[in-house]
Protein backbone atom coordinates (compact mmCIF):
# COMPACT_ATOMS: atom_id res chain seq x y z
CA UNK A 1 -131.44 48.78 109.84
CA UNK A 2 -133.93 49.26 112.66
CA UNK A 3 -135.65 46.21 114.10
CA UNK A 4 -139.42 46.40 114.44
CA UNK A 5 -140.26 45.38 117.98
CA UNK A 6 -143.44 43.42 118.63
CA UNK A 7 -144.78 44.96 121.84
CA UNK A 8 -146.84 41.87 122.71
CA UNK A 9 -143.75 39.63 122.66
CA UNK A 10 -141.79 41.38 125.44
CA UNK A 11 -142.66 42.36 129.01
CA UNK A 12 -142.69 46.08 129.71
CA UNK A 13 -140.60 45.97 132.88
CA UNK A 14 -137.39 44.33 134.01
CA UNK A 15 -139.10 42.80 137.04
CA UNK A 16 -141.82 41.22 134.89
CA UNK A 17 -139.20 39.84 132.47
CA UNK A 18 -137.20 38.44 135.40
CA UNK A 19 -140.28 36.74 136.88
CA UNK A 20 -141.13 35.15 133.50
CA UNK A 21 -137.48 34.23 132.88
CA UNK A 22 -137.40 36.18 129.59
CA UNK A 23 -133.97 37.55 128.53
CA UNK A 24 -135.24 40.92 127.19
CA UNK A 25 -137.91 43.49 127.93
CA UNK A 26 -139.16 46.63 126.16
CA UNK A 27 -140.31 49.71 128.04
CA UNK A 28 -141.32 51.78 125.02
CA UNK A 29 -139.14 54.65 126.28
CA UNK A 30 -135.72 55.64 124.90
CA UNK A 31 -132.59 54.93 126.95
CA UNK A 32 -130.27 57.70 128.19
CA UNK A 33 -128.57 57.76 124.75
CA UNK A 34 -131.89 58.04 122.90
CA UNK A 35 -132.13 54.46 121.61
CA UNK A 36 -135.61 52.98 121.42
CA UNK A 37 -134.70 49.31 121.73
CA UNK A 38 -135.07 46.22 123.92
CA UNK A 39 -133.12 45.95 127.14
CA UNK A 40 -131.41 42.97 128.73
CA UNK A 41 -133.17 41.58 131.78
CA UNK A 42 -129.90 40.61 133.48
CA UNK A 43 -128.48 44.15 133.70
CA UNK A 44 -131.09 46.51 132.19
CA UNK A 45 -128.74 47.68 129.42
CA UNK A 46 -130.11 48.85 126.09
CA UNK A 47 -129.07 46.44 123.31
CA UNK A 48 -128.08 49.32 120.99
CA UNK A 49 -125.84 50.87 123.66
CA UNK A 50 -124.27 47.49 124.36
CA UNK A 51 -123.68 46.89 120.64
CA UNK A 52 -121.90 50.25 120.32
CA UNK A 53 -119.81 49.47 123.42
CA UNK A 54 -118.80 46.05 122.04
CA UNK A 55 -117.74 47.63 118.70
CA UNK A 56 -115.59 50.20 120.52
CA UNK A 57 -114.07 47.49 122.71
CA UNK A 58 -113.18 45.30 119.69
CA UNK A 59 -111.59 48.30 117.98
CA UNK A 60 -109.68 49.69 120.96
CA UNK A 61 -108.67 46.46 122.74
CA UNK A 62 -108.51 43.60 120.19
CA UNK A 63 -106.04 41.56 122.27
CA UNK A 64 -108.26 41.66 125.35
CA UNK A 65 -111.32 40.67 123.32
CA UNK A 66 -109.43 37.80 121.70
CA UNK A 67 -108.23 36.56 125.09
CA UNK A 68 -111.76 36.78 126.57
CA UNK A 69 -113.30 34.92 123.59
CA UNK A 70 -110.71 32.15 123.84
CA UNK A 71 -111.31 31.79 127.58
CA UNK A 72 -115.08 31.69 127.06
CA UNK A 73 -114.73 29.05 124.35
CA UNK A 74 -112.42 26.95 126.50
CA UNK A 75 -114.88 27.09 129.40
CA UNK A 76 -117.99 26.39 127.26
CA UNK A 77 -116.48 24.30 124.46
CA UNK A 78 -118.72 21.24 124.80
CA UNK A 79 -121.95 23.25 124.95
CA UNK A 80 -120.91 25.40 121.97
CA UNK A 81 -120.02 22.34 119.88
CA UNK A 82 -123.32 20.61 120.71
CA UNK A 83 -125.30 23.74 119.85
CA UNK A 84 -123.33 24.16 116.61
CA UNK A 85 -123.92 20.52 115.69
CA UNK A 86 -127.68 20.81 116.36
CA UNK A 87 -128.15 23.98 114.34
CA UNK A 88 -125.82 23.05 111.46
CA UNK A 89 -127.12 19.52 110.91
CA UNK A 90 -130.53 20.69 109.69
CA UNK A 91 -130.86 20.19 105.90
CA UNK A 92 -132.35 23.66 105.38
CA UNK A 93 -129.36 25.24 107.13
CA UNK A 94 -126.93 23.28 104.97
CA UNK A 95 -128.60 24.39 101.74
CA UNK A 96 -128.68 28.05 102.83
CA UNK A 97 -124.98 27.92 103.80
CA UNK A 98 -124.09 26.24 100.49
CA UNK A 99 -126.01 28.85 98.48
CA UNK A 100 -124.39 31.69 100.43
CA UNK A 101 -120.92 30.20 99.92
CA UNK A 102 -121.48 29.77 96.15
CA UNK A 103 -122.66 33.37 95.82
CA UNK A 104 -119.80 34.75 97.89
CA UNK A 105 -116.99 32.73 96.28
CA UNK A 106 -118.12 32.38 92.68
CA UNK A 107 -121.08 34.70 92.11
CA UNK A 108 -123.45 31.82 91.28
CA UNK A 109 -126.51 30.42 93.01
CA UNK A 110 -127.35 26.82 93.83
CA UNK A 111 -129.70 26.85 90.84
CA UNK A 112 -126.84 27.98 88.56
CA UNK A 113 -124.72 25.14 89.97
CA UNK A 114 -127.46 22.59 89.30
CA UNK A 115 -127.95 23.87 85.73
CA UNK A 116 -124.21 23.52 85.08
CA UNK A 117 -124.23 20.05 86.56
CA UNK A 118 -127.17 19.04 84.39
CA UNK A 119 -125.49 20.43 81.25
CA UNK A 120 -122.44 18.27 82.09
CA UNK A 121 -124.69 15.18 82.54
CA UNK A 122 -123.73 15.05 86.25
CA UNK A 123 -120.13 14.29 85.30
CA UNK A 124 -116.75 16.01 85.63
CA UNK A 125 -116.05 18.43 82.75
CA UNK A 126 -112.56 16.95 82.23
CA UNK A 127 -112.53 13.21 82.97
CA UNK A 128 -116.29 12.68 82.45
CA UNK A 129 -116.34 10.67 85.65
CA UNK A 130 -118.53 10.92 88.77
CA UNK A 131 -117.58 12.89 91.84
CA UNK A 132 -115.22 10.84 93.98
CA UNK A 133 -115.21 13.11 97.03
CA UNK A 134 -117.47 11.24 99.46
CA UNK A 135 -117.16 13.94 102.13
CA UNK A 136 -119.18 16.55 100.24
CA UNK A 137 -120.61 14.71 97.21
CA UNK A 138 -120.40 18.03 95.34
CA UNK A 139 -118.29 18.75 92.30
CA UNK A 140 -115.72 21.52 92.70
CA UNK A 141 -116.50 24.82 90.99
CA UNK A 142 -113.59 25.50 88.65
CA UNK A 143 -112.92 29.17 87.97
CA UNK A 144 -110.24 31.41 86.53
CA UNK A 145 -108.24 32.88 89.39
CA UNK A 146 -107.43 36.00 87.37
CA UNK A 147 -110.94 36.92 86.20
CA UNK A 148 -113.07 34.96 88.67
CA UNK A 149 -115.14 33.56 85.78
CA UNK A 150 -116.61 30.11 86.43
CA UNK A 151 -115.45 27.56 83.84
CA UNK A 152 -117.25 24.39 84.90
CA UNK A 153 -117.62 21.69 87.51
CA UNK A 154 -114.78 19.26 88.15
CA UNK A 155 -114.23 16.22 90.31
CA UNK A 156 -111.80 16.82 93.15
CA UNK A 157 -108.94 14.97 91.43
CA UNK A 158 -109.19 17.01 88.20
CA UNK A 159 -109.58 20.27 90.10
CA UNK A 160 -106.48 19.52 92.19
CA UNK A 161 -104.60 18.52 89.03
CA UNK A 162 -105.35 21.83 87.33
CA UNK A 163 -104.43 23.62 90.53
CA UNK A 164 -101.07 21.87 90.72
CA UNK A 165 -100.35 23.06 87.18
CA UNK A 166 -101.42 26.59 88.22
CA UNK A 167 -103.85 26.82 85.27
CA UNK A 168 -100.80 27.03 82.99
CA UNK A 169 -101.67 25.50 79.58
CA UNK A 170 -98.02 25.34 78.52
CA UNK A 171 -97.06 23.46 81.66
CA UNK A 172 -99.96 21.04 81.08
CA UNK A 173 -98.80 20.54 77.50
CA UNK A 174 -95.30 19.69 78.77
CA UNK A 175 -96.86 17.14 81.13
CA UNK A 176 -98.87 15.66 78.26
CA UNK A 177 -95.75 15.43 76.07
CA UNK A 178 -93.84 13.86 78.96
CA UNK A 179 -96.49 11.16 79.32
CA UNK A 180 -96.55 10.60 75.55
CA UNK A 181 -92.78 10.26 75.40
CA UNK A 182 -92.65 7.85 78.34
CA UNK A 183 -95.44 5.78 76.79
CA UNK A 184 -93.52 5.61 73.49
CA UNK A 185 -90.36 4.61 75.36
CA UNK A 186 -92.25 1.77 77.10
CA UNK A 187 -93.56 0.49 73.76
CA UNK A 188 -90.01 0.33 72.35
CA UNK A 189 -88.97 -2.05 75.13
């Protein structure tokens, strides 16, 4: 997808961009490879050419790229973490990330989630209790691992319980019978 470049936003020369301390400039002329895109003030490189170079580098030398990224992170760790914290603490960012994660993992939107929650009276579908996970305050989306179909919203404890039984109804029935038998044995004493 081609980016539409606002000509009024960028200086037309590298020198002008450098004087104004702006990271990019746009000449309106294609680069040597025919790209009509912004250029970096620091080195004059076309952003499209640089993007193609970076893709080739990641493909041809993945170990080198990994080593460079790790070194960069180690050197700039504090700044990166502060920037991440600033940008990710905004409520609008959190809701966008949550909606994206729900769509990607389960094929539902935040609105679908809220409708399911409302239909369950804001309670777990199994134990009918409130969400106990204070870290997220969201119910877990329970889904069939074979089909991917969403079944309902569960508290963390119930979701982990089903997971431990690997969604196996027979195994759950054995557990139920075990608890029944042990309860009957306790009553006999």
